[in-house]
Amino acid sequence: MWRLSHLGDYSPNYAVAFLHSGGRKGETFKNLLVWQKAVALSLAVYRLTSAFPRSEQFGLTDQMRRASVSVASNIAEGNGRSTRGEYL
């Protein structure tokens, strides 16, 4: 059985901690551990949902996949914001 614990421990506030520890706005979001974990989560969801019944392809499977991709996408989008407050 697949569990979120396979992704390891991480702080939901990692982006804030990263910026307060000397990270600069110009640095890439790909260096953020939280973004890397979000991509790993998305890949795991794709693997997991590939075993779902074909009848769920446009239902639950699609919704779970879009939701998992959304996490990493929102982190990347936040990186492109113009102010530090928006980025956080």
PDB file of N, CA and C in Angstrom:
ATOM      1  N   MET A   1       0.839  -1.190   0.000  1.00  0.00           N
ATOM      2  CA  MET A   1       0.000   0.000   0.000  1.00  0.00           C
ATOM      3  C   MET A   1       0.879   1.247   0.000  1.00  0.00           C
ATOM      4  N   TRP A   2       0.541   2.200  -0.819  1.00  0.00           N
ATOM      5  CA  TRP A   2       1.292   3.449  -0.930  1.00  0.00           C
ATOM      6  C   TRP A   2       0.809   4.426   0.117  1.00  0.00           C
ATOM      7  N   ARG A   3       1.737   5.115   0.795  1.00  0.00           N
ATOM      8  CA  ARG A   3       1.373   6.101   1.812  1.00  0.00           C
ATOM      9  C   ARG A   3       2.193   7.368   1.595  1.00  0.00           C
ATOM     10  N   LEU A   4       1.657   8.467   2.095  1.00  0.00           N
ATOM     11  CA  LEU A   4       2.386   9.737   2.006  1.00  0.00           C
ATOM     12  C   LEU A   4       3.709   9.678   2.750  1.00  0.00           C
ATOM     13  N   SER A   5       3.823   8.791   3.722  1.00  0.00           N
ATOM     14  CA  SER A   5       5.070   8.710   4.487  1.00  0.00           C
ATOM     15  C   SER A   5       6.255   8.336   3.601  1.00  0.00           C
ATOM     16  N   HIS A   6       5.995   7.772   2.430  1.00  0.00           N
ATOM     17  CA  HIS A   6       7.085   7.430   1.506  1.00  0.00           C
ATOM     18  C   HIS A   6       7.802   8.669   0.987  1.00  0.00           C
ATOM     19  N   LEU A   7       7.179   9.815   1.133  1.00  0.00           N
ATOM     20  CA  LEU A   7       7.787  11.051   0.648  1.00  0.00           C
ATOM     21  C   LEU A   7       8.723  11.671   1.676  1.00  0.00           C
ATOM     22  N   GLY A   8       8.753  11.149   2.879  1.00  0.00           N
ATOM     23  CA  GLY A   8       9.642  11.671   3.901  1.00  0.00           C
ATOM     24  C   GLY A   8       9.021  12.843   4.652  1.00  0.00           C
ATOM     25  N   ASP A   9       9.760  13.370   5.585  1.00  0.00           N
ATOM     26  CA  ASP A   9       9.276  14.486   6.396  1.00  0.00           C
ATOM     27  C   ASP A   9       9.666  15.807   5.758  1.00  0.00           C
ATOM     28  N   TYR A  10       8.752  16.746   5.774  1.00  0.00           N
ATOM     29  CA  TYR A  10       9.048  18.096   5.322  1.00  0.00           C
ATOM     30  C   TYR A  10       8.101  19.057   6.006  1.00  0.00           C
ATOM     31  N   SER A  11       8.523  20.274   6.129  1.00  0.00           N
ATOM     32  CA  SER A  11       7.718  21.292   6.768  1.00  0.00           C
ATOM     33  C   SER A  11       6.850  21.994   5.735  1.00  0.00           C
ATOM     34  N   PRO A  12       5.538  22.151   6.013  1.00  0.00           N
ATOM     35  CA  PRO A  12       4.683  22.891   5.086  1.00  0.00           C
ATOM     36  C   PRO A  12       5.118  24.345   4.930  1.00  0.00           C
ATOM     37  N   ASN A  13       5.866  24.837   5.905  1.00  0.00           N
ATOM     38  CA  ASN A  13       6.326  26.228   5.864  1.00  0.00           C
ATOM     39  C   ASN A  13       7.747  26.332   5.339  1.00  0.00           C
ATOM     40  N   TYR A  14       8.176  25.356   4.541  1.00  0.00           N
ATOM     41  CA  TYR A  14       9.558  25.332   4.067  1.00  0.00           C
ATOM     42  C   TYR A  14       9.910  26.572   3.251  1.00  0.00           C
ATOM     43  N   ALA A  15       8.991  27.040   2.416  1.00  0.00           N
ATOM     44  CA  ALA A  15       9.287  28.209   1.583  1.00  0.00           C
ATOM     45  C   ALA A  15       9.580  29.427   2.443  1.00  0.00           C
ATOM     46  N   VAL A  16       8.818  29.604   3.514  1.00  0.00           N
ATOM     47  CA  VAL A  16       9.045  30.731   4.420  1.00  0.00           C
ATOM     48  C   VAL A  16      10.402  30.571   5.103  1.00  0.00           C
ATOM     49  N   ALA A  17      10.701  29.373   5.585  1.00  0.00           N
ATOM     50  CA  ALA A  17      11.989  29.129   6.237  1.00  0.00           C
ATOM     51  C   ALA A  17      13.145  29.341   5.269  1.00  0.00           C
ATOM     52  N   PHE A  18      12.967  28.931   4.021  1.00  0.00           N
ATOM     53  CA  PHE A  18      13.995  29.105   2.996  1.00  0.00           C
ATOM     54  C   PHE A  18      14.326  30.584   2.807  1.00  0.00           C
ATOM     55  N   LEU A  19      13.308  31.416   2.711  1.00  0.00           N
ATOM     56  CA  LEU A  19      13.538  32.840   2.495  1.00  0.00           C
ATOM     57  C   LEU A  19      14.167  33.500   3.720  1.00  0.00           C
ATOM     58  N   HIS A  20      13.750  33.094   4.915  1.00  0.00           N
ATOM     59  CA  HIS A  20      14.306  33.686   6.126  1.00  0.00           C
ATOM     60  C   HIS A  20      15.732  33.211   6.399  1.00  0.00           C
ATOM     61  N   SER A  21      16.126  32.094   5.791  1.00  0.00           N
ATOM     62  CA  SER A  21      17.470  31.580   6.038  1.00  0.00           C
ATOM     63  C   SER A  21      18.488  32.069   5.015  1.00  0.00           C
ATOM     64  N   GLY A  22      18.099  33.034   4.206  1.00  0.00           N
ATOM     65  CA  GLY A  22      19.058  33.605   3.277  1.00  0.00           C
ATOM     66  C   GLY A  22      18.728  33.344   1.821  1.00  0.00           C
ATOM     67  N   GLY A  23      17.670  32.557   1.547  1.00  0.00           N
ATOM     68  CA  GLY A  23      17.257  32.343   0.167  1.00  0.00           C
ATOM     69  C   GLY A  23      16.840  33.666  -0.466  1.00  0.00           C
ATOM     70  N   ARG A  24      17.140  33.841  -1.729  1.00  0.00           N
ATOM     71  CA  ARG A  24      16.798  35.096  -2.394  1.00  0.00           C
ATOM     72  C   ARG A  24      15.695  34.873  -3.401  1.00  0.00           C
ATOM     73  N   LYS A  25      14.897  35.899  -3.618  1.00  0.00           N
ATOM     74  CA  LYS A  25      13.764  35.837  -4.527  1.00  0.00           C
ATOM     75  C   LYS A  25      14.162  35.353  -5.908  1.00  0.00           C
ATOM     76  N   GLY A  26      15.336  35.684  -6.369  1.00  0.00           N
ATOM     77  CA  GLY A  26      15.767  35.323  -7.711  1.00  0.00           C
ATOM     78  C   GLY A  26      16.135  33.846  -7.876  1.00  0.00           C
ATOM     79  N   GLU A  27      16.256  33.139  -6.753  1.00  0.00           N
ATOM     80  CA  GLU A  27      16.622  31.732  -6.848  1.00  0.00           C
ATOM     81  C   GLU A  27      15.447  30.921  -7.376  1.00  0.00           C
ATOM     82  N   THR A  28      15.749  29.837  -8.022  1.00  0.00           N
ATOM     83  CA  THR A  28      14.715  29.044  -8.653  1.00  0.00           C
ATOM     84  C   THR A  28      13.900  28.246  -7.641  1.00  0.00           C
ATOM     85  N   PHE A  29      12.635  28.082  -7.929  1.00  0.00           N
ATOM     86  CA  PHE A  29      11.740  27.299  -7.084  1.00  0.00           C
ATOM     87  C   PHE A  29      12.148  25.826  -7.078  1.00  0.00           C
ATOM     88  N   LYS A  30      12.911  25.399  -8.078  1.00  0.00           N
ATOM     89  CA  LYS A  30      13.320  24.000  -8.159  1.00  0.00           C
ATOM     90  C   LYS A  30      14.286  23.624  -7.040  1.00  0.00           C
ATOM     91  N   ASN A  31      14.866  24.611  -6.369  1.00  0.00           N
ATOM     92  CA  ASN A  31      15.741  24.352  -5.224  1.00  0.00           C
ATOM     93  C   ASN A  31      14.951  24.136  -3.943  1.00  0.00           C
ATOM     94  N   LEU A  32      13.662  24.473  -3.947  1.00  0.00           N
ATOM     95  CA  LEU A  32      12.837  24.312  -2.757  1.00  0.00           C
ATOM     96  C   LEU A  32      12.501  22.839  -2.542  1.00  0.00           C
ATOM     97  N   LEU A  33      12.758  22.353  -1.350  1.00  0.00           N
ATOM     98  CA  LEU A  33      12.441  20.970  -1.014  1.00  0.00           C
ATOM     99  C   LEU A  33      10.941  20.708  -1.166  1.00  0.00           C
ATOM    100  N   VAL A  34      10.130  21.663  -0.802  1.00  0.00           N
ATOM    101  CA  VAL A  34       8.681  21.488  -0.887  1.00  0.00           C
ATOM    102  C   VAL A  34       8.239  21.294  -2.350  1.00  0.00           C
ATOM    103  N   TRP A  35       8.885  21.992  -3.293  1.00  0.00           N
ATOM    104  CA  TRP A  35       8.548  21.801  -4.720  1.00  0.00           C
ATOM    105  C   TRP A  35       8.989  20.412  -5.174  1.00  0.00           C
ATOM    106  N   GLN A  36      10.165  19.986  -4.749  1.00  0.00           N
ATOM    107  CA  GLN A  36      10.658  18.661  -5.118  1.00  0.00           C
ATOM    108  C   GLN A  36       9.742  17.572  -4.578  1.00  0.00           C
ATOM    109  N   LYS A  37       9.251  17.743  -3.342  1.00  0.00           N
ATOM    110  CA  LYS A  37       8.327  16.778  -2.756  1.00  0.00           C
ATOM    111  C   LYS A  37       6.986  16.799  -3.495  1.00  0.00           C
ATOM    112  N   ALA A  38       6.549  17.963  -3.942  1.00  0.00           N
ATOM    113  CA  ALA A  38       5.290  18.073  -4.685  1.00  0.00           C
ATOM    114  C   ALA A  38       5.389  17.343  -6.021  1.00  0.00           C
ATOM    115  N   VAL A  39       6.521  17.433  -6.683  1.00  0.00           N
ATOM    116  CA  VAL A  39       6.727  16.716  -7.944  1.00  0.00           C
ATOM    117  C   VAL A  39       6.738  15.209  -7.678  1.00  0.00           C
ATOM    118  N   ALA A  40       7.407  14.786  -6.594  1.00  0.00           N
ATOM    119  CA  ALA A  40       7.432  13.365  -6.239  1.00  0.00           C
ATOM    120  C   ALA A  40       6.016  12.866  -5.937  1.00  0.00           C
ATOM    121  N   LEU A  41       5.233  13.686  -5.251  1.00  0.00           N
ATOM    122  CA  LEU A  41       3.847  13.335  -4.960  1.00  0.00           C
ATOM    123  C   LEU A  41       3.052  13.164  -6.250  1.00  0.00           C
ATOM    124  N   SER A  42       3.231  14.099  -7.168  1.00  0.00           N
ATOM    125  CA  SER A  42       2.517  14.033  -8.441  1.00  0.00           C
ATOM    126  C   SER A  42       2.868  12.760  -9.214  1.00  0.00           C
ATOM    127  N   LEU A  43       4.142  12.420  -9.257  1.00  0.00           N
ATOM    128  CA  LEU A  43       4.557  11.190  -9.938  1.00  0.00           C
ATOM    129  C   LEU A  43       3.962   9.953  -9.269  1.00  0.00           C
ATOM    130  N   ALA A  44       3.930   9.969  -7.928  1.00  0.00           N
ATOM    131  CA  ALA A  44       3.354   8.850  -7.191  1.00  0.00           C
ATOM    132  C   ALA A  44       1.855   8.720  -7.462  1.00  0.00           C
ATOM    133  N   VAL A  45       1.162   9.849  -7.548  1.00  0.00           N
ATOM    134  CA  VAL A  45      -0.280   9.826  -7.850  1.00  0.00           C
ATOM    135  C   VAL A  45      -0.517   9.270  -9.249  1.00  0.00           C
ATOM    136  N   TYR A  46       0.301   9.674 -10.197  1.00  0.00           N
ATOM    137  CA  TYR A  46       0.159   9.133 -11.564  1.00  0.00           C
ATOM    138  C   TYR A  46       0.367   7.618 -11.570  1.00  0.00           C
ATOM    139  N   ARG A  47       1.375   7.135 -10.832  1.00  0.00           N
ATOM    140  CA  ARG A  47       1.606   5.681 -10.764  1.00  0.00           C
ATOM    141  C   ARG A  47       0.430   4.974 -10.096  1.00  0.00           C
ATOM    142  N   LEU A  48      -0.034   5.535  -8.992  1.00  0.00           N
ATOM    143  CA  LEU A  48      -1.132   4.940  -8.246  1.00  0.00           C
ATOM    144  C   LEU A  48      -2.416   4.889  -9.078  1.00  0.00           C
ATOM    145  N   THR A  49      -2.738   5.985  -9.733  1.00  0.00           N
ATOM    146  CA  THR A  49      -3.995   6.051 -10.486  1.00  0.00           C
ATOM    147  C   THR A  49      -3.938   5.263 -11.789  1.00  0.00           C
ATOM    148  N   SER A  50      -2.764   4.891 -12.225  1.00  0.00           N
ATOM    149  CA  SER A  50      -2.683   4.080 -13.441  1.00  0.00           C
ATOM    150  C   SER A  50      -3.300   2.695 -13.223  1.00  0.00           C
ATOM    151  N   ALA A  51      -3.417   2.293 -11.964  1.00  0.00           N
ATOM    152  CA  ALA A  51      -4.024   1.003 -11.634  1.00  0.00           C
ATOM    153  C   ALA A  51      -5.532   1.112 -11.398  1.00  0.00           C
ATOM    154  N   PHE A  52      -6.083   2.317 -11.458  1.00  0.00           N
ATOM    155  CA  PHE A  52      -7.518   2.495 -11.269  1.00  0.00           C
ATOM    156  C   PHE A  52      -8.285   1.908 -12.455  1.00  0.00           C
ATOM    157  N   PRO A  53      -9.546   1.565 -12.262  1.00  0.00           N
ATOM    158  CA  PRO A  53     -10.358   1.039 -13.373  1.00  0.00           C
ATOM    159  C   PRO A  53     -10.497   2.066 -14.494  1.00  0.00           C
ATOM    160  N   ARG A  54     -10.580   1.584 -15.696  1.00  0.00           N
ATOM    161  CA  ARG A  54     -10.718   2.462 -16.866  1.00  0.00           C
ATOM    162  C   ARG A  54     -11.959   3.342 -16.754  1.00  0.00           C
ATOM    163  N   SER A  55     -12.979   2.849 -16.086  1.00  0.00           N
ATOM    164  CA  SER A  55     -14.223   3.624 -15.930  1.00  0.00           C
ATOM    165  C   SER A  55     -14.008   4.894 -15.115  1.00  0.00           C
ATOM    166  N   GLU A  56     -12.915   4.964 -14.357  1.00  0.00           N
ATOM    167  CA  GLU A  56     -12.611   6.153 -13.552  1.00  0.00           C
ATOM    168  C   GLU A  56     -11.660   7.118 -14.256  1.00  0.00           C
ATOM    169  N   GLN A  57     -11.303   6.847 -15.489  1.00  0.00           N
ATOM    170  CA  GLN A  57     -10.311   7.655 -16.190  1.00  0.00           C
ATOM    171  C   GLN A  57     -10.683   9.135 -16.241  1.00  0.00           C
ATOM    172  N   PHE A  58     -11.942   9.438 -16.467  1.00  0.00           N
ATOM    173  CA  PHE A  58     -12.354  10.842 -16.575  1.00  0.00           C
ATOM    174  C   PHE A  58     -13.036  11.339 -15.310  1.00  0.00           C
ATOM    175  N   GLY A  59     -12.976  10.557 -14.258  1.00  0.00           N
ATOM    176  CA  GLY A  59     -13.576  10.940 -12.989  1.00  0.00           C
ATOM    177  C   GLY A  59     -12.517  11.143 -11.935  1.00  0.00           C
ATOM    178  N   LEU A  60     -12.451  10.181 -11.037  1.00  0.00           N
ATOM    179  CA  LEU A  60     -11.550  10.267  -9.899  1.00  0.00           C
ATOM    180  C   LEU A  60     -10.082  10.340 -10.320  1.00  0.00           C
ATOM    181  N   THR A  61      -9.690   9.544 -11.304  1.00  0.00           N
ATOM    182  CA  THR A  61      -8.293   9.542 -11.768  1.00  0.00           C
ATOM    183  C   THR A  61      -7.879  10.928 -12.232  1.00  0.00           C
ATOM    184  N   ASP A  62      -8.686  11.526 -13.087  1.00  0.00           N
ATOM    185  CA  ASP A  62      -8.366  12.852 -13.632  1.00  0.00           C
ATOM    186  C   ASP A  62      -8.311  13.899 -12.536  1.00  0.00           C
ATOM    187  N   GLN A  63      -9.258  13.850 -11.605  1.00  0.00           N
ATOM    188  CA  GLN A  63      -9.298  14.837 -10.530  1.00  0.00           C
ATOM    189  C   GLN A  63      -8.073  14.719  -9.622  1.00  0.00           C
ATOM    190  N   MET A  64      -7.686  13.492  -9.280  1.00  0.00           N
ATOM    191  CA  MET A  64      -6.512  13.300  -8.421  1.00  0.00           C
ATOM    192  C   MET A  64      -5.232  13.762  -9.114  1.00  0.00           C
ATOM    193  N   ARG A  65      -5.120  13.469 -10.393  1.00  0.00           N
ATOM    194  CA  ARG A  65      -3.921  13.879 -11.131  1.00  0.00           C
ATOM    195  C   ARG A  65      -3.822  15.398 -11.243  1.00  0.00           C
ATOM    196  N   ARG A  66      -4.939  16.047 -11.575  1.00  0.00           N
ATOM    197  CA  ARG A  66      -4.904  17.507 -11.695  1.00  0.00           C
ATOM    198  C   ARG A  66      -4.594  18.167 -10.362  1.00  0.00           C
ATOM    199  N   ALA A  67      -5.149  17.633  -9.278  1.00  0.00           N
ATOM    200  CA  ALA A  67      -4.891  18.197  -7.947  1.00  0.00           C
ATOM    201  C   ALA A  67      -3.417  18.061  -7.564  1.00  0.00           C
ATOM    202  N   SER A  68      -2.820  16.917  -7.872  1.00  0.00           N
ATOM    203  CA  SER A  68      -1.418  16.715  -7.498  1.00  0.00           C
ATOM    204  C   SER A  68      -0.487  17.619  -8.303  1.00  0.00           C
ATOM    205  N   VAL A  69      -0.778  17.812  -9.562  1.00  0.00           N
ATOM    206  CA  VAL A  69       0.039  18.698 -10.406  1.00  0.00           C
ATOM    207  C   VAL A  69      -0.126  20.151  -9.956  1.00  0.00           C
ATOM    208  N   SER A  70      -1.306  20.489  -9.459  1.00  0.00           N
ATOM    209  CA  SER A  70      -1.589  21.850  -9.024  1.00  0.00           C
ATOM    210  C   SER A  70      -0.672  22.315  -7.904  1.00  0.00           C
ATOM    211  N   VAL A  71      -0.282  21.433  -7.022  1.00  0.00           N
ATOM    212  CA  VAL A  71       0.572  21.809  -5.891  1.00  0.00           C
ATOM    213  C   VAL A  71       1.911  22.351  -6.393  1.00  0.00           C
ATOM    214  N   ALA A  72       2.593  21.571  -7.216  1.00  0.00           N
ATOM    215  CA  ALA A  72       3.887  22.012  -7.747  1.00  0.00           C
ATOM    216  C   ALA A  72       3.727  23.243  -8.642  1.00  0.00           C
ATOM    217  N   SER A  73       2.649  23.293  -9.393  1.00  0.00           N
ATOM    218  CA  SER A  73       2.403  24.437 -10.283  1.00  0.00           C
ATOM    219  C   SER A  73       2.209  25.725  -9.504  1.00  0.00           C
ATOM    220  N   ASN A  74       1.492  25.658  -8.388  1.00  0.00           N
ATOM    221  CA  ASN A  74       1.277  26.856  -7.578  1.00  0.00           C
ATOM    222  C   ASN A  74       2.568  27.346  -6.943  1.00  0.00           C
ATOM    223  N   ILE A  75       3.436  26.441  -6.565  1.00  0.00           N
ATOM    224  CA  ILE A  75       4.740  26.837  -6.014  1.00  0.00           C
ATOM    225  C   ILE A  75       5.559  27.540  -7.094  1.00  0.00           C
ATOM    226  N   ALA A  76       5.568  26.977  -8.284  1.00  0.00           N
ATOM    227  CA  ALA A  76       6.307  27.588  -9.397  1.00  0.00           C
ATOM    228  C   ALA A  76       5.725  28.953  -9.748  1.00  0.00           C
ATOM    229  N   GLU A  77       4.412  29.050  -9.748  1.00  0.00           N
ATOM    230  CA  GLU A  77       3.759  30.331 -10.074  1.00  0.00           C
ATOM    231  C   GLU A  77       4.105  31.381  -9.029  1.00  0.00           C
ATOM    232  N   GLY A  78       4.134  30.975  -7.752  1.00  0.00           N
ATOM    233  CA  GLY A  78       4.489  31.909  -6.683  1.00  0.00           C
ATOM    234  C   GLY A  78       5.886  32.466  -6.854  1.00  0.00           C
ATOM    235  N   ASN A  79       6.766  31.688  -7.413  1.00  0.00           N
ATOM    236  CA  ASN A  79       8.136  32.135  -7.652  1.00  0.00           C
ATOM    237  C   ASN A  79       8.181  33.292  -8.648  1.00  0.00           C
ATOM    238  N   GLY A  80       7.226  33.342  -9.545  1.00  0.00           N
ATOM    239  CA  GLY A  80       7.213  34.390 -10.558  1.00  0.00           C
ATOM    240  C   GLY A  80       6.534  35.669 -10.120  1.00  0.00           C
ATOM    241  N   ARG A  81       6.047  35.723  -8.904  1.00  0.00           N
ATOM    242  CA  ARG A  81       5.366  36.921  -8.400  1.00  0.00           C
ATOM    243  C   ARG A  81       6.342  38.075  -8.234  1.00  0.00           C
ATOM    244  N   SER A  82       5.799  39.266  -8.273  1.00  0.00           N
ATOM    245  CA  SER A  82       6.660  40.443  -8.302  1.00  0.00           C
ATOM    246  C   SER A  82       7.137  40.925  -6.930  1.00  0.00           C
ATOM    247  N   THR A  83       6.400  40.603  -5.862  1.00  0.00           N
ATOM    248  CA  THR A  83       6.828  41.089  -4.549  1.00  0.00           C
ATOM    249  C   THR A  83       7.129  39.916  -3.637  1.00  0.00           C
ATOM    250  N   ARG A  84       7.906  40.176  -2.610  1.00  0.00           N
ATOM    251  CA  ARG A  84       8.281  39.126  -1.640  1.00  0.00           C
ATOM    252  C   ARG A  84       7.045  38.578  -0.939  1.00  0.00           C
ATOM    253  N   GLY A  85       6.106  39.445  -0.603  1.00  0.00           N
ATOM    254  CA  GLY A  85       4.876  39.028   0.071  1.00  0.00           C
ATOM    255  C   GLY A  85       4.067  38.060  -0.779  1.00  0.00           C
ATOM    256  N   GLU A  86       3.956  38.364  -2.071  1.00  0.00           N
ATOM    257  CA  GLU A  86       3.235  37.459  -2.970  1.00  0.00           C
ATOM    258  C   GLU A  86       3.965  36.133  -3.090  1.00  0.00           C
ATOM    259  N   TYR A  87       5.287  36.187  -3.116  1.00  0.00           N
ATOM    260  CA  TYR A  87       6.087  34.977  -3.223  1.00  0.00           C
ATOM    261  C   TYR A  87       5.882  34.069  -2.028  1.00  0.00           C
ATOM    262  N   LEU A  88       5.895  34.673  -0.827  1.00  0.00           N
ATOM    263  CA  LEU A  88       5.679  33.874   0.385  1.00  0.00           C
ATOM    264  C   LEU A  88       4.310  33.257   0.360  1.00  0.00           C
TER     265      LEU A  88
END
